Amino acid sequence: MNTHYGVYMGTANKIVIYDYGEGAGGWPDHVARFVDNHDGSFTVAWPHTTTDNASENSDNTTWQDHSTITKADMLARFYATDAEKATVTAVEEELDLSTINKAFDLLPA
């Protein structure tokens, strides 16, 4: 918490969330992509690089699928406990929506 998350939705059917308020690690350690599969599920991907943090760029880094989650699972997690709901609400307050119409440019979605 106490960070900021850029939300990028400029590429159709893809949402990239970039935690740009954290200081440790390179940008691939702080970004996730969600792809709408149009069947009620989303594929979650994280960057995978072939180099160290200092040299990461779009030439040596790709999206690597991590998991698939359904909309129902996401909502169930949100409503599971008051503590989890409070965490989601706190994160909502740290969203930077000024990037919502932009494509994530560090690693094309």
N, C-alpha and C. Protein backbone atom coordinates (compact mmCIF):
# COMPACT_ATOMS: atom_id res chain seq x y z
N MET A 1 0.84 -1.18 0.00
CA MET A 1 0.00 0.00 0.00
C MET A 1 0.88 1.24 0.00
N ASN A 2 0.25 2.39 0.04
CA ASN A 2 0.95 3.67 -0.04
C ASN A 2 1.79 3.75 -1.30
N THR A 3 1.20 3.40 -2.41
CA THR A 3 1.87 3.43 -3.70
C THR A 3 0.88 3.99 -4.71
N HIS A 4 1.16 3.86 -5.96
CA HIS A 4 0.25 4.32 -7.01
C HIS A 4 0.25 3.31 -8.15
N TYR A 5 -0.90 3.10 -8.72
CA TYR A 5 -1.05 2.12 -9.78
C TYR A 5 -1.57 2.81 -11.04
N GLY A 6 -0.80 2.78 -12.12
CA GLY A 6 -1.28 3.28 -13.40
C GLY A 6 -2.10 2.20 -14.06
N VAL A 7 -3.26 2.57 -14.57
CA VAL A 7 -4.15 1.63 -15.23
C VAL A 7 -4.18 1.98 -16.72
N TYR A 8 -3.75 1.04 -17.56
CA TYR A 8 -3.65 1.24 -19.00
C TYR A 8 -4.66 0.34 -19.71
N MET A 9 -5.59 0.97 -20.43
CA MET A 9 -6.62 0.21 -21.14
C MET A 9 -6.70 0.62 -22.60
N GLY A 10 -5.60 1.13 -23.16
CA GLY A 10 -5.58 1.62 -24.53
C GLY A 10 -5.48 0.54 -25.58
N THR A 11 -5.28 -0.71 -25.18
CA THR A 11 -5.23 -1.83 -26.11
C THR A 11 -6.49 -2.66 -25.89
N ALA A 12 -7.24 -2.90 -26.94
CA ALA A 12 -8.52 -3.60 -26.82
C ALA A 12 -8.38 -4.92 -26.07
N ASN A 13 -9.31 -5.16 -25.15
CA ASN A 13 -9.45 -6.40 -24.39
C ASN A 13 -8.30 -6.66 -23.42
N LYS A 14 -7.46 -5.66 -23.16
CA LYS A 14 -6.33 -5.85 -22.27
C LYS A 14 -6.24 -4.70 -21.28
N ILE A 15 -5.96 -5.05 -20.04
CA ILE A 15 -5.73 -4.06 -18.99
C ILE A 15 -4.35 -4.33 -18.42
N VAL A 16 -3.53 -3.29 -18.35
CA VAL A 16 -2.22 -3.41 -17.72
C VAL A 16 -2.24 -2.52 -16.49
N ILE A 17 -1.82 -3.09 -15.37
CA ILE A 17 -1.73 -2.33 -14.12
C ILE A 17 -0.27 -2.27 -13.72
N TYR A 18 0.23 -1.05 -13.57
CA TYR A 18 1.64 -0.80 -13.30
C TYR A 18 1.78 -0.12 -11.95
N ASP A 19 2.41 -0.78 -11.02
CA ASP A 19 2.66 -0.23 -9.69
C ASP A 19 3.92 0.62 -9.78
N TYR A 20 3.75 1.90 -10.09
CA TYR A 20 4.91 2.77 -10.28
C TYR A 20 5.32 3.50 -9.01
N GLY A 21 4.71 3.18 -7.89
CA GLY A 21 5.07 3.82 -6.63
C GLY A 21 6.09 3.05 -5.83
N GLU A 22 6.35 1.81 -6.22
CA GLU A 22 7.33 0.99 -5.51
C GLU A 22 8.73 1.29 -6.04
N GLY A 23 9.74 1.15 -5.19
CA GLY A 23 11.08 1.48 -5.62
C GLY A 23 11.99 0.30 -5.87
N ALA A 24 11.68 -0.85 -5.31
CA ALA A 24 12.59 -2.01 -5.41
C ALA A 24 12.32 -2.80 -6.68
N GLY A 25 13.38 -3.14 -7.40
CA GLY A 25 13.25 -3.95 -8.60
C GLY A 25 12.95 -3.11 -9.82
N GLY A 26 13.08 -3.72 -10.98
CA GLY A 26 12.79 -3.05 -12.23
C GLY A 26 11.30 -3.06 -12.52
N TRP A 27 10.90 -2.35 -13.57
CA TRP A 27 9.48 -2.24 -13.89
C TRP A 27 8.79 -3.59 -14.09
N PRO A 28 9.45 -4.64 -14.64
CA PRO A 28 8.73 -5.91 -14.80
C PRO A 28 8.29 -6.55 -13.48
N ASP A 29 8.91 -6.15 -12.39
CA ASP A 29 8.52 -6.68 -11.08
C ASP A 29 7.24 -6.04 -10.56
N HIS A 30 6.74 -5.04 -11.28
CA HIS A 30 5.63 -4.25 -10.75
C HIS A 30 4.47 -4.07 -11.73
N VAL A 31 4.35 -4.99 -12.68
CA VAL A 31 3.31 -4.83 -13.69
C VAL A 31 2.62 -6.17 -13.96
N ALA A 32 1.33 -6.09 -14.26
CA ALA A 32 0.56 -7.30 -14.61
C ALA A 32 -0.40 -6.93 -15.74
N ARG A 33 -0.69 -7.91 -16.57
CA ARG A 33 -1.63 -7.72 -17.68
C ARG A 33 -2.79 -8.69 -17.50
N PHE A 34 -4.00 -8.19 -17.75
CA PHE A 34 -5.21 -8.99 -17.70
C PHE A 34 -5.84 -8.96 -19.08
N VAL A 35 -6.03 -10.14 -19.68
CA VAL A 35 -6.62 -10.24 -21.01
C VAL A 35 -8.03 -10.81 -20.87
N ASP A 36 -9.00 -10.10 -21.41
CA ASP A 36 -10.39 -10.55 -21.39
C ASP A 36 -10.55 -11.65 -22.43
N ASN A 37 -10.87 -12.85 -21.97
CA ASN A 37 -11.03 -14.00 -22.86
C ASN A 37 -12.44 -14.09 -23.46
N HIS A 38 -13.31 -13.17 -23.09
CA HIS A 38 -14.68 -13.10 -23.60
C HIS A 38 -15.49 -14.35 -23.30
N ASP A 39 -15.14 -15.05 -22.24
CA ASP A 39 -15.91 -16.21 -21.80
C ASP A 39 -16.15 -16.15 -20.29
N GLY A 40 -15.99 -14.94 -19.71
CA GLY A 40 -16.15 -14.78 -18.27
C GLY A 40 -14.85 -14.99 -17.52
N SER A 41 -13.73 -15.13 -18.26
CA SER A 41 -12.45 -15.33 -17.59
C SER A 41 -11.41 -14.34 -18.12
N PHE A 42 -10.36 -14.19 -17.35
CA PHE A 42 -9.26 -13.30 -17.69
C PHE A 42 -7.95 -14.06 -17.51
N THR A 43 -7.03 -13.91 -18.46
CA THR A 43 -5.71 -14.50 -18.34
C THR A 43 -4.79 -13.44 -17.74
N VAL A 44 -4.10 -13.81 -16.68
CA VAL A 44 -3.17 -12.91 -16.00
C VAL A 44 -1.76 -13.23 -16.48
N ALA A 45 -1.02 -12.21 -16.89
CA ALA A 45 0.35 -12.39 -17.36
C ALA A 45 1.28 -11.42 -16.65
N TRP A 46 2.52 -11.85 -16.48
CA TRP A 46 3.58 -11.02 -15.91
C TRP A 46 4.73 -10.97 -16.89
N PRO A 47 5.51 -9.91 -16.87
CA PRO A 47 6.68 -9.86 -17.75
C PRO A 47 7.71 -10.91 -17.38
N HIS A 48 8.33 -11.46 -18.38
CA HIS A 48 9.44 -12.40 -18.20
C HIS A 48 10.59 -11.87 -19.04
N THR A 49 11.76 -11.74 -18.41
CA THR A 49 12.90 -11.18 -19.11
C THR A 49 14.06 -12.16 -19.16
N THR A 50 14.93 -11.95 -20.12
CA THR A 50 16.10 -12.81 -20.27
C THR A 50 17.36 -12.11 -19.76
N THR A 51 17.18 -10.99 -19.08
CA THR A 51 18.32 -10.23 -18.59
C THR A 51 18.06 -9.75 -17.17
N ASP A 52 18.93 -8.89 -16.66
CA ASP A 52 18.74 -8.36 -15.30
C ASP A 52 17.88 -7.10 -15.34
N ASN A 53 17.49 -6.62 -14.17
CA ASN A 53 16.60 -5.46 -14.07
C ASN A 53 17.13 -4.23 -14.80
N ALA A 54 18.41 -4.00 -14.76
CA ALA A 54 18.96 -2.78 -15.34
C ALA A 54 18.82 -2.73 -16.85
N SER A 55 18.73 -3.86 -17.50
CA SER A 55 18.72 -3.90 -18.97
C SER A 55 17.38 -4.31 -19.57
N GLU A 56 16.34 -4.42 -18.78
CA GLU A 56 15.04 -4.88 -19.28
C GLU A 56 14.43 -3.88 -20.25
N ASN A 57 13.98 -4.38 -21.38
CA ASN A 57 13.27 -3.55 -22.35
C ASN A 57 12.37 -4.45 -23.19
N SER A 58 11.66 -3.86 -24.12
CA SER A 58 10.71 -4.64 -24.90
C SER A 58 11.38 -5.62 -25.87
N ASP A 59 12.68 -5.49 -26.08
CA ASP A 59 13.38 -6.44 -26.95
C ASP A 59 13.74 -7.74 -26.24
N ASN A 60 13.91 -7.71 -24.92
CA ASN A 60 14.33 -8.91 -24.20
C ASN A 60 13.32 -9.34 -23.13
N THR A 61 12.13 -8.78 -23.20
CA THR A 61 11.09 -9.09 -22.22
C THR A 61 9.80 -9.40 -22.96
N THR A 62 9.08 -10.42 -22.49
CA THR A 62 7.80 -10.80 -23.09
C THR A 62 6.78 -11.02 -21.98
N TRP A 63 5.52 -11.05 -22.36
CA TRP A 63 4.47 -11.39 -21.40
C TRP A 63 4.43 -12.90 -21.26
N GLN A 64 4.36 -13.38 -20.03
CA GLN A 64 4.25 -14.81 -19.78
C GLN A 64 2.97 -15.05 -18.98
N ASP A 65 2.09 -15.88 -19.55
CA ASP A 65 0.83 -16.18 -18.85
C ASP A 65 1.12 -16.85 -17.52
N HIS A 66 0.40 -16.39 -16.51
CA HIS A 66 0.59 -16.92 -15.16
C HIS A 66 -0.61 -17.76 -14.72
N SER A 67 -1.82 -17.23 -14.94
CA SER A 67 -3.01 -17.94 -14.47
C SER A 67 -4.24 -17.41 -15.20
N THR A 68 -5.34 -18.09 -15.00
CA THR A 68 -6.62 -17.64 -15.52
C THR A 68 -7.56 -17.54 -14.33
N ILE A 69 -8.31 -16.44 -14.30
CA ILE A 69 -9.25 -16.22 -13.20
C ILE A 69 -10.59 -15.82 -13.80
N THR A 70 -11.66 -16.28 -13.19
CA THR A 70 -12.99 -15.93 -13.69
C THR A 70 -13.48 -14.67 -12.99
N LYS A 71 -14.43 -14.02 -13.63
CA LYS A 71 -15.05 -12.85 -13.03
C LYS A 71 -15.68 -13.23 -11.70
N ALA A 72 -16.32 -14.39 -11.64
CA ALA A 72 -16.94 -14.86 -10.40
C ALA A 72 -15.91 -15.05 -9.29
N ASP A 73 -14.72 -15.60 -9.65
CA ASP A 73 -13.65 -15.77 -8.66
C ASP A 73 -13.17 -14.42 -8.13
N MET A 74 -13.03 -13.45 -9.04
CA MET A 74 -12.58 -12.13 -8.60
C MET A 74 -13.58 -11.50 -7.63
N LEU A 75 -14.87 -11.59 -7.97
CA LEU A 75 -15.89 -11.03 -7.08
C LEU A 75 -15.95 -11.79 -5.76
N ALA A 76 -15.79 -13.10 -5.81
CA ALA A 76 -15.80 -13.90 -4.58
C ALA A 76 -14.65 -13.49 -3.66
N ARG A 77 -13.47 -13.24 -4.25
CA ARG A 77 -12.33 -12.79 -3.45
C ARG A 77 -12.60 -11.42 -2.84
N PHE A 78 -13.25 -10.55 -3.61
CA PHE A 78 -13.55 -9.21 -3.12
C PHE A 78 -14.49 -9.26 -1.92
N TYR A 79 -15.48 -10.13 -1.98
CA TYR A 79 -16.47 -10.21 -0.92
C TYR A 79 -16.18 -11.27 0.13
N ALA A 80 -15.03 -11.94 0.04
CA ALA A 80 -14.73 -13.05 0.94
C ALA A 80 -14.68 -12.62 2.41
N THR A 81 -13.92 -11.61 2.71
CA THR A 81 -13.81 -11.15 4.10
C THR A 81 -13.79 -9.63 4.12
N ASP A 82 -14.10 -9.08 5.26
CA ASP A 82 -14.06 -7.62 5.40
C ASP A 82 -12.64 -7.10 5.19
N ALA A 83 -11.64 -7.86 5.64
CA ALA A 83 -10.25 -7.42 5.49
C ALA A 83 -9.86 -7.35 4.02
N GLU A 84 -10.25 -8.36 3.23
CA GLU A 84 -9.93 -8.35 1.81
C GLU A 84 -10.65 -7.21 1.10
N LYS A 85 -11.90 -6.99 1.46
CA LYS A 85 -12.65 -5.89 0.85
C LYS A 85 -12.02 -4.55 1.21
N ALA A 86 -11.55 -4.41 2.43
CA ALA A 86 -10.88 -3.17 2.84
C ALA A 86 -9.59 -2.95 2.07
N THR A 87 -8.86 -4.03 1.79
CA THR A 87 -7.62 -3.92 1.00
C THR A 87 -7.93 -3.46 -0.41
N VAL A 88 -8.94 -4.05 -1.04
CA VAL A 88 -9.32 -3.66 -2.40
C VAL A 88 -9.76 -2.20 -2.41
N THR A 89 -10.53 -1.79 -1.43
CA THR A 89 -10.99 -0.41 -1.36
C THR A 89 -9.81 0.55 -1.19
N ALA A 90 -8.83 0.17 -0.38
CA ALA A 90 -7.65 1.01 -0.19
C ALA A 90 -6.85 1.13 -1.49
N VAL A 91 -6.72 0.03 -2.22
CA VAL A 91 -5.99 0.07 -3.49
C VAL A 91 -6.73 0.95 -4.50
N GLU A 92 -8.06 0.90 -4.51
CA GLU A 92 -8.84 1.73 -5.43
C GLU A 92 -8.48 3.20 -5.27
N GLU A 93 -8.21 3.62 -4.06
CA GLU A 93 -7.88 5.02 -3.79
C GLU A 93 -6.50 5.39 -4.32
N GLU A 94 -5.69 4.41 -4.70
CA GLU A 94 -4.35 4.67 -5.19
C GLU A 94 -4.23 4.48 -6.71
N LEU A 95 -5.37 4.31 -7.39
CA LEU A 95 -5.36 4.14 -8.84
C LEU A 95 -5.19 5.48 -9.54
N ASP A 96 -4.29 5.51 -10.49
CA ASP A 96 -4.08 6.67 -11.34
C ASP A 96 -4.80 6.38 -12.65
N LEU A 97 -5.95 7.00 -12.84
CA LEU A 97 -6.76 6.73 -14.03
C LEU A 97 -6.44 7.69 -15.17
N SER A 98 -5.43 8.53 -15.01
CA SER A 98 -5.06 9.45 -16.09
C SER A 98 -4.48 8.70 -17.28
N THR A 99 -4.08 7.45 -17.08
CA THR A 99 -3.49 6.64 -18.15
C THR A 99 -4.49 5.67 -18.78
N ILE A 100 -5.74 5.74 -18.38
CA ILE A 100 -6.72 4.72 -18.76
C ILE A 100 -6.92 4.61 -20.28
N ASN A 101 -6.73 5.66 -21.02
CA ASN A 101 -6.92 5.61 -22.48
C ASN A 101 -5.62 5.37 -23.22
N LYS A 102 -4.55 5.13 -22.50
CA LYS A 102 -3.24 4.93 -23.12
C LYS A 102 -2.87 3.44 -23.14
N ALA A 103 -2.03 3.09 -24.10
CA ALA A 103 -1.47 1.74 -24.14
C ALA A 103 -0.21 1.73 -23.28
N PHE A 104 0.05 0.65 -22.62
CA PHE A 104 1.28 0.50 -21.83
C PHE A 104 2.44 0.40 -22.80
N ASP A 105 3.40 1.31 -22.71
CA ASP A 105 4.43 1.37 -23.74
C ASP A 105 5.76 0.73 -23.37
N LEU A 106 5.95 0.32 -22.11
CA LEU A 106 7.21 -0.34 -21.75
C LEU A 106 7.29 -1.75 -22.33
N LEU A 107 6.13 -2.39 -22.44
CA LEU A 107 6.04 -3.71 -23.06
C LEU A 107 4.66 -3.80 -23.71
N PRO A 108 4.60 -3.67 -25.02
CA PRO A 108 3.29 -3.65 -25.68
C PRO A 108 2.41 -4.82 -25.25
N ALA A 109 1.17 -4.51 -24.94
CA ALA A 109 0.23 -5.51 -24.45
C ALA A 109 -0.12 -6.49 -25.53
